[in-house]
Amino acid sequence: MKADLLVTLLTWAKELGCNFVRLAHYPHNEMMLKIADGNGLASFGLEIPVFTATVMFDSKEVYAKAEKN
């Protein structure tokens, strides 16, 4: 992605009053993170690896695996 496009996208976020951006599920170009930081925007892109309502956290084995990640 070109830097000018990244600046435009993050400028729109600032104009909307955002103070952080949530990025997608995969790692982003370091340039995106640096531009966000330079504009005072925190950026988040990590997710908890367990997210479905069907995960049985009352199971000690499942809970232990979730805590590891």
C-alpha atoms as a PDB file:
ATOM      1  CA  MET A   1       0.000   0.000   0.000  1.00  0.00           C
ATOM      2  CA  LYS A   2       1.305   3.443  -0.813  1.00  0.00           C
ATOM      3  CA  ALA A   3       2.101   5.812   2.038  1.00  0.00           C
ATOM      4  CA  ASP A   4      -0.203   8.546   0.709  1.00  0.00           C
ATOM      5  CA  LEU A   5      -3.171   6.164   0.770  1.00  0.00           C
ATOM      6  CA  LEU A   6      -2.333   5.105   4.318  1.00  0.00           C
ATOM      7  CA  VAL A   7      -2.093   8.743   5.389  1.00  0.00           C
ATOM      8  CA  THR A   8      -5.497   9.421   3.794  1.00  0.00           C
ATOM      9  CA  LEU A   9      -7.146   6.479   5.547  1.00  0.00           C
ATOM     10  CA  LEU A  10      -5.705   7.378   8.926  1.00  0.00           C
ATOM     11  CA  THR A  11      -6.516  11.067   8.454  1.00  0.00           C
ATOM     12  CA  TRP A  12     -10.150  10.085   7.934  1.00  0.00           C
ATOM     13  CA  ALA A  13     -10.032   8.143  11.194  1.00  0.00           C
ATOM     14  CA  LYS A  14      -8.645  11.204  13.028  1.00  0.00           C
ATOM     15  CA  GLU A  15     -11.323  13.432  11.453  1.00  0.00           C
ATOM     16  CA  LEU A  16     -13.958  11.057  12.790  1.00  0.00           C
ATOM     17  CA  GLY A  17     -12.536  11.552  16.288  1.00  0.00           C
ATOM     18  CA  CYS A  18     -10.867   8.149  16.563  1.00  0.00           C
ATOM     19  CA  ASN A  19      -7.927   7.623  18.885  1.00  0.00           C
ATOM     20  CA  PHE A  20      -7.227   4.030  17.797  1.00  0.00           C
ATOM     21  CA  VAL A  21      -7.699   1.845  14.754  1.00  0.00           C
ATOM     22  CA  ARG A  22      -8.388  -1.863  14.726  1.00  0.00           C
ATOM     23  CA  LEU A  23      -6.579  -3.500  11.867  1.00  0.00           C
ATOM     24  CA  ALA A  24      -7.556  -6.752  10.175  1.00  0.00           C
ATOM     25  CA  HIS A  25      -6.687 -10.294  11.190  1.00  0.00           C
ATOM     26  CA  TYR A  26      -3.269 -10.436   9.570  1.00  0.00           C
ATOM     27  CA  PRO A  27      -0.037  -8.510  10.149  1.00  0.00           C
ATOM     28  CA  HIS A  28       0.116  -5.132   8.453  1.00  0.00           C
ATOM     29  CA  ASN A  29       2.919  -3.337   6.722  1.00  0.00           C
ATOM     30  CA  GLU A  30       5.135  -1.634   9.286  1.00  0.00           C
ATOM     31  CA  MET A  31       4.534   1.646   7.447  1.00  0.00           C
ATOM     32  CA  MET A  32       0.851   1.536   8.472  1.00  0.00           C
ATOM     33  CA  LEU A  33       1.810   1.152  12.110  1.00  0.00           C
ATOM     34  CA  LYS A  34       4.384   3.962  11.964  1.00  0.00           C
ATOM     35  CA  ILE A  35       1.986   6.370  10.247  1.00  0.00           C
ATOM     36  CA  ALA A  36      -0.753   5.565  12.763  1.00  0.00           C
ATOM     37  CA  ASP A  37       1.654   6.106  15.647  1.00  0.00           C
ATOM     38  CA  GLY A  38       2.929   9.349  14.122  1.00  0.00           C
ATOM     39  CA  ASN A  39      -0.635  10.618  13.963  1.00  0.00           C
ATOM     40  CA  GLY A  40      -1.394   9.737  17.574  1.00  0.00           C
ATOM     41  CA  LEU A  41      -3.475   6.674  16.759  1.00  0.00           C
ATOM     42  CA  ALA A  42      -3.045   3.451  18.662  1.00  0.00           C
ATOM     43  CA  SER A  43      -3.360   0.426  16.389  1.00  0.00           C
ATOM     44  CA  PHE A  44      -4.591  -3.027  17.258  1.00  0.00           C
ATOM     45  CA  GLY A  45      -4.392  -6.083  15.045  1.00  0.00           C
ATOM     46  CA  LEU A  46      -4.186  -9.074  17.332  1.00  0.00           C
ATOM     47  CA  GLU A  47      -7.081 -11.223  18.333  1.00  0.00           C
ATOM     48  CA  ILE A  48      -7.801 -13.764  20.986  1.00  0.00           C
ATOM     49  CA  PRO A  49      -7.497 -17.144  19.232  1.00  0.00           C
ATOM     50  CA  VAL A  50     -10.705 -18.486  20.758  1.00  0.00           C
ATOM     51  CA  PHE A  51     -13.811 -16.526  19.905  1.00  0.00           C
ATOM     52  CA  THR A  52     -16.768 -18.783  19.343  1.00  0.00           C
ATOM     53  CA  ALA A  53     -19.641 -19.155  21.764  1.00  0.00           C
ATOM     54  CA  THR A  54     -19.342 -22.922  21.513  1.00  0.00           C
ATOM     55  CA  VAL A  55     -15.978 -23.051  23.297  1.00  0.00           C
ATOM     56  CA  MET A  56     -16.526 -24.837  26.570  1.00  0.00           C
ATOM     57  CA  PHE A  57     -14.501 -22.815  29.051  1.00  0.00           C
ATOM     58  CA  ASP A  58     -15.830 -24.896  31.909  1.00  0.00           C
ATOM     59  CA  SER A  59     -13.531 -27.658  30.648  1.00  0.00           C
ATOM     60  CA  LYS A  60     -10.173 -27.386  32.426  1.00  0.00           C
ATOM     61  CA  GLU A  61      -8.326 -28.664  29.342  1.00  0.00           C
ATOM     62  CA  VAL A  62      -9.963 -26.120  26.995  1.00  0.00           C
ATOM     63  CA  TYR A  63      -9.411 -23.261  29.461  1.00  0.00           C
ATOM     64  CA  ALA A  64      -5.747 -24.193  29.881  1.00  0.00           C
ATOM     65  CA  LYS A  65      -5.239 -24.146  26.084  1.00  0.00           C
ATOM     66  CA  ALA A  66      -6.937 -20.749  25.827  1.00  0.00           C
ATOM     67  CA  GLU A  67      -4.714 -19.299  28.558  1.00  0.00           C
ATOM     68  CA  LYS A  68      -1.584 -20.501  26.707  1.00  0.00           C
ATOM     69  CA  ASN A  69      -2.482 -18.520  23.606  1.00  0.00           C
END
